[in-house]
Amino acid sequence: MKKFAHIWTEDYFLLHIQLTIECSLNSEVTIVRELVGRHPIQHILKIDKNVSSYRFMISRMHPDEKSFFIVYSQNIILEAFMLDDRAYYPTESFFRS
């Protein structure tokens, strides 16, 4: 399994995530949000085997959310883009694995 971790900053509150699935298998991606003084919140994203690319945006959901991480399988390439304007148009990725 691979892991992408991100610590929120005051400059960026929104990321664009692109998943490229390299083989035709059903896949699961786990997103865990870490909040100060609270239990982590976990989301499981199920991706159908017929999908080769999947995109979504993730934003800081609460001022107490300091970071999050995504756990994903070896057959997935994750690319993350910071979004700093209201157009939500990603320009350059800062992470790829």
N, C-alpha and C. Protein backbone atom coordinates (compact mmCIF):
# COMPACT_ATOMS: atom_id res chain seq x y z
N MET A 1 0.84 -1.19 0.00
CA MET A 1 0.00 0.00 0.00
C MET A 1 0.88 1.24 0.00
N LYS A 2 0.38 2.29 -0.64
CA LYS A 2 1.06 3.59 -0.67
C LYS A 2 0.28 4.56 0.22
N LYS A 3 0.95 5.64 0.60
CA LYS A 3 0.30 6.63 1.46
C LYS A 3 0.72 8.03 1.05
N PHE A 4 -0.26 8.91 0.90
CA PHE A 4 -0.04 10.33 0.66
C PHE A 4 -0.54 11.06 1.88
N ALA A 5 0.30 11.88 2.51
CA ALA A 5 -0.09 12.65 3.69
C ALA A 5 0.06 14.14 3.38
N HIS A 6 -0.87 14.93 3.91
CA HIS A 6 -0.84 16.38 3.66
C HIS A 6 -1.20 17.13 4.95
N ILE A 7 -0.42 18.13 5.27
CA ILE A 7 -0.69 19.01 6.40
C ILE A 7 -1.26 20.31 5.83
N TRP A 8 -2.44 20.71 6.29
CA TRP A 8 -3.06 21.93 5.81
C TRP A 8 -2.27 23.16 6.25
N THR A 9 -2.20 24.16 5.38
CA THR A 9 -1.57 25.43 5.70
C THR A 9 -2.63 26.52 5.56
N GLU A 10 -2.32 27.71 6.02
CA GLU A 10 -3.25 28.84 5.88
C GLU A 10 -3.38 29.28 4.42
N ASP A 11 -2.38 28.98 3.60
CA ASP A 11 -2.39 29.41 2.20
C ASP A 11 -3.27 28.54 1.30
N TYR A 12 -3.38 27.26 1.63
CA TYR A 12 -4.13 26.34 0.77
C TYR A 12 -5.11 25.54 1.61
N PHE A 13 -6.38 25.57 1.21
CA PHE A 13 -7.42 24.86 1.93
C PHE A 13 -8.13 23.85 1.03
N LEU A 14 -7.60 23.65 -0.18
CA LEU A 14 -8.28 22.81 -1.16
C LEU A 14 -7.24 22.14 -2.06
N LEU A 15 -7.40 20.83 -2.28
CA LEU A 15 -6.53 20.08 -3.18
C LEU A 15 -7.37 19.37 -4.23
N HIS A 16 -6.81 19.23 -5.40
CA HIS A 16 -7.39 18.44 -6.48
C HIS A 16 -6.58 17.14 -6.51
N ILE A 17 -7.24 16.01 -6.39
CA ILE A 17 -6.57 14.70 -6.39
C ILE A 17 -6.95 13.96 -7.67
N GLN A 18 -5.95 13.43 -8.34
CA GLN A 18 -6.18 12.61 -9.53
C GLN A 18 -5.63 11.22 -9.27
N LEU A 19 -6.47 10.21 -9.49
CA LEU A 19 -6.06 8.82 -9.35
C LEU A 19 -6.06 8.19 -10.73
N THR A 20 -4.96 7.58 -11.11
CA THR A 20 -4.86 6.84 -12.36
C THR A 20 -4.70 5.36 -11.99
N ILE A 21 -5.66 4.55 -12.43
CA ILE A 21 -5.66 3.14 -12.08
C ILE A 21 -5.00 2.38 -13.22
N GLU A 22 -3.94 1.63 -12.90
CA GLU A 22 -3.10 1.00 -13.92
C GLU A 22 -3.55 -0.39 -14.34
N CYS A 23 -4.51 -0.99 -13.68
CA CYS A 23 -5.02 -2.29 -14.11
C CYS A 23 -6.52 -2.35 -13.83
N SER A 24 -7.19 -3.27 -14.50
CA SER A 24 -8.65 -3.33 -14.37
C SER A 24 -9.07 -4.24 -13.21
N LEU A 25 -8.90 -3.71 -12.03
CA LEU A 25 -9.35 -4.36 -10.80
C LEU A 25 -10.18 -3.36 -10.01
N ASN A 26 -11.15 -3.84 -9.25
CA ASN A 26 -11.84 -2.95 -8.34
C ASN A 26 -10.83 -2.43 -7.32
N SER A 27 -10.90 -1.17 -6.96
CA SER A 27 -9.92 -0.57 -6.05
C SER A 27 -10.63 0.15 -4.92
N GLU A 28 -9.92 0.26 -3.81
CA GLU A 28 -10.39 1.05 -2.67
C GLU A 28 -9.31 2.05 -2.28
N VAL A 29 -9.77 3.24 -1.94
CA VAL A 29 -8.90 4.30 -1.46
C VAL A 29 -9.47 4.75 -0.12
N THR A 30 -8.62 4.85 0.88
CA THR A 30 -9.07 5.28 2.21
C THR A 30 -8.54 6.68 2.49
N ILE A 31 -9.43 7.58 2.86
CA ILE A 31 -9.08 8.95 3.22
C ILE A 31 -9.33 9.09 4.72
N VAL A 32 -8.30 9.51 5.45
CA VAL A 32 -8.42 9.68 6.90
C VAL A 32 -8.12 11.13 7.23
N ARG A 33 -9.08 11.80 7.84
CA ARG A 33 -8.93 13.20 8.26
C ARG A 33 -8.57 13.22 9.74
N GLU A 34 -7.53 13.99 10.08
CA GLU A 34 -7.06 14.06 11.45
C GLU A 34 -7.41 15.42 12.05
N LEU A 35 -8.24 15.40 13.11
CA LEU A 35 -8.69 16.60 13.78
C LEU A 35 -8.10 16.66 15.18
N VAL A 36 -7.70 17.83 15.60
CA VAL A 36 -7.12 18.01 16.93
C VAL A 36 -8.18 17.73 17.99
N GLY A 37 -7.87 16.87 18.93
CA GLY A 37 -8.77 16.58 20.04
C GLY A 37 -9.97 15.73 19.69
N ARG A 38 -9.98 15.14 18.51
CA ARG A 38 -11.12 14.31 18.09
C ARG A 38 -10.60 13.02 17.46
N HIS A 39 -11.49 12.07 17.32
CA HIS A 39 -11.13 10.83 16.64
C HIS A 39 -11.01 11.11 15.14
N PRO A 40 -10.10 10.42 14.45
CA PRO A 40 -9.99 10.60 13.00
C PRO A 40 -11.29 10.21 12.30
N ILE A 41 -11.55 10.84 11.18
CA ILE A 41 -12.72 10.54 10.37
C ILE A 41 -12.23 9.83 9.12
N GLN A 42 -12.81 8.67 8.85
CA GLN A 42 -12.36 7.85 7.74
C GLN A 42 -13.43 7.75 6.66
N HIS A 43 -13.01 7.88 5.41
CA HIS A 43 -13.89 7.72 4.25
C HIS A 43 -13.27 6.66 3.36
N ILE A 44 -14.09 5.77 2.83
CA ILE A 44 -13.60 4.76 1.89
C ILE A 44 -14.23 5.03 0.54
N LEU A 45 -13.38 5.17 -0.45
CA LEU A 45 -13.80 5.43 -1.83
C LEU A 45 -13.62 4.14 -2.62
N LYS A 46 -14.69 3.62 -3.17
CA LYS A 46 -14.63 2.40 -3.97
C LYS A 46 -14.65 2.79 -5.44
N ILE A 47 -13.68 2.26 -6.19
CA ILE A 47 -13.55 2.61 -7.60
C ILE A 47 -13.78 1.35 -8.43
N ASP A 48 -14.69 1.43 -9.35
CA ASP A 48 -15.04 0.31 -10.22
C ASP A 48 -13.88 -0.06 -11.14
N LYS A 49 -13.76 -1.33 -11.46
CA LYS A 49 -12.65 -1.81 -12.30
C LYS A 49 -12.67 -1.23 -13.71
N ASN A 50 -13.80 -0.70 -14.16
CA ASN A 50 -13.89 -0.13 -15.51
C ASN A 50 -13.44 1.33 -15.57
N VAL A 51 -13.07 1.90 -14.42
CA VAL A 51 -12.64 3.29 -14.36
C VAL A 51 -11.12 3.33 -14.39
N SER A 52 -10.56 4.11 -15.31
CA SER A 52 -9.10 4.19 -15.42
C SER A 52 -8.55 5.46 -14.79
N SER A 53 -9.41 6.45 -14.59
CA SER A 53 -8.99 7.70 -13.98
C SER A 53 -10.13 8.26 -13.15
N TYR A 54 -9.78 8.80 -11.99
CA TYR A 54 -10.80 9.32 -11.08
C TYR A 54 -10.25 10.59 -10.44
N ARG A 55 -11.05 11.64 -10.43
CA ARG A 55 -10.62 12.92 -9.85
C ARG A 55 -11.63 13.40 -8.82
N PHE A 56 -11.09 14.07 -7.79
CA PHE A 56 -11.97 14.68 -6.80
C PHE A 56 -11.21 15.80 -6.11
N MET A 57 -11.97 16.67 -5.44
CA MET A 57 -11.37 17.73 -4.65
C MET A 57 -11.56 17.39 -3.19
N ILE A 58 -10.58 17.75 -2.39
CA ILE A 58 -10.69 17.56 -0.95
C ILE A 58 -10.35 18.90 -0.29
N SER A 59 -11.20 19.33 0.61
CA SER A 59 -10.97 20.60 1.28
C SER A 59 -10.89 20.39 2.78
N ARG A 60 -10.32 21.36 3.44
CA ARG A 60 -10.26 21.34 4.90
C ARG A 60 -11.68 21.51 5.40
N MET A 61 -12.18 20.53 6.14
CA MET A 61 -13.60 20.52 6.50
C MET A 61 -13.91 21.26 7.79
N HIS A 62 -12.89 21.55 8.60
CA HIS A 62 -13.12 22.20 9.89
C HIS A 62 -11.81 22.85 10.33
N PRO A 63 -11.86 23.96 11.07
CA PRO A 63 -10.61 24.58 11.54
C PRO A 63 -9.73 23.65 12.38
N ASP A 64 -10.34 22.63 13.03
CA ASP A 64 -9.58 21.68 13.83
C ASP A 64 -8.90 20.60 12.99
N GLU A 65 -9.23 20.53 11.70
CA GLU A 65 -8.58 19.53 10.84
C GLU A 65 -7.19 20.05 10.47
N LYS A 66 -6.19 19.38 10.95
CA LYS A 66 -4.80 19.81 10.72
C LYS A 66 -4.15 19.08 9.55
N SER A 67 -4.61 17.85 9.27
CA SER A 67 -3.99 17.07 8.20
C SER A 67 -4.93 15.96 7.77
N PHE A 68 -4.55 15.30 6.69
CA PHE A 68 -5.25 14.10 6.25
C PHE A 68 -4.24 13.22 5.53
N PHE A 69 -4.62 11.97 5.36
CA PHE A 69 -3.79 11.10 4.53
C PHE A 69 -4.69 10.18 3.73
N ILE A 70 -4.12 9.71 2.61
CA ILE A 70 -4.83 8.82 1.70
C ILE A 70 -3.98 7.56 1.57
N VAL A 71 -4.60 6.41 1.78
CA VAL A 71 -3.94 5.12 1.61
C VAL A 71 -4.53 4.48 0.35
N TYR A 72 -3.66 4.02 -0.54
CA TYR A 72 -4.12 3.48 -1.82
C TYR A 72 -3.19 2.36 -2.27
N SER A 73 -3.67 1.53 -3.18
CA SER A 73 -2.92 0.35 -3.59
C SER A 73 -1.83 0.66 -4.60
N GLN A 74 -0.97 -0.32 -4.80
CA GLN A 74 0.18 -0.17 -5.69
C GLN A 74 -0.22 0.05 -7.14
N ASN A 75 -1.41 -0.38 -7.53
CA ASN A 75 -1.84 -0.24 -8.92
C ASN A 75 -2.42 1.15 -9.23
N ILE A 76 -2.34 2.07 -8.28
CA ILE A 76 -2.87 3.42 -8.46
C ILE A 76 -1.73 4.44 -8.41
N ILE A 77 -1.77 5.38 -9.33
CA ILE A 77 -0.87 6.54 -9.28
C ILE A 77 -1.71 7.71 -8.78
N LEU A 78 -1.28 8.34 -7.70
CA LEU A 78 -1.97 9.49 -7.13
C LEU A 78 -1.18 10.74 -7.47
N GLU A 79 -1.87 11.75 -7.96
CA GLU A 79 -1.25 13.04 -8.23
C GLU A 79 -2.06 14.11 -7.51
N ALA A 80 -1.38 15.01 -6.81
CA ALA A 80 -2.06 16.05 -6.02
C ALA A 80 -1.70 17.43 -6.56
N PHE A 81 -2.70 18.29 -6.65
CA PHE A 81 -2.55 19.66 -7.13
C PHE A 81 -3.09 20.60 -6.07
N MET A 82 -2.36 21.66 -5.75
CA MET A 82 -2.87 22.69 -4.84
C MET A 82 -3.75 23.65 -5.64
N LEU A 83 -4.85 24.05 -5.04
CA LEU A 83 -5.76 25.00 -5.68
C LEU A 83 -5.80 26.24 -4.82
N ASP A 84 -5.46 27.37 -5.43
CA ASP A 84 -5.39 28.61 -4.64
C ASP A 84 -6.30 29.71 -5.18
N ASP A 85 -7.19 29.36 -6.10
CA ASP A 85 -8.10 30.38 -6.60
C ASP A 85 -9.51 29.81 -6.69
N ARG A 86 -10.46 30.63 -6.96
CA ARG A 86 -11.86 30.21 -7.00
C ARG A 86 -12.22 29.45 -8.26
N ALA A 87 -11.34 29.44 -9.27
CA ALA A 87 -11.63 28.72 -10.50
C ALA A 87 -11.42 27.22 -10.33
N TYR A 88 -10.72 26.82 -9.28
CA TYR A 88 -10.45 25.41 -9.02
C TYR A 88 -9.75 24.73 -10.19
N TYR A 89 -8.86 25.45 -10.83
CA TYR A 89 -8.16 24.90 -11.98
C TYR A 89 -6.74 24.51 -11.57
N PRO A 90 -6.44 23.20 -11.52
CA PRO A 90 -5.09 22.80 -11.12
C PRO A 90 -4.08 23.12 -12.21
N THR A 91 -2.93 23.61 -11.82
CA THR A 91 -1.92 23.98 -12.81
C THR A 91 -0.69 23.10 -12.74
N GLU A 92 -0.20 22.81 -11.56
CA GLU A 92 1.03 22.03 -11.44
C GLU A 92 0.93 21.13 -10.22
N SER A 93 1.26 19.86 -10.42
CA SER A 93 1.18 18.95 -9.28
C SER A 93 2.38 19.12 -8.38
N PHE A 94 2.21 18.81 -7.10
CA PHE A 94 3.30 18.88 -6.16
C PHE A 94 3.63 17.50 -5.61
N PHE A 95 2.84 16.48 -6.00
CA PHE A 95 3.08 15.12 -5.53
C PHE A 95 2.62 14.16 -6.60
N ARG A 96 3.41 13.10 -6.82
CA ARG A 96 3.02 12.02 -7.75
C ARG A 96 3.68 10.74 -7.28
N SER A 97 2.86 9.70 -7.06
CA SER A 97 3.39 8.40 -6.66
C SER A 97 2.38 7.32 -6.96
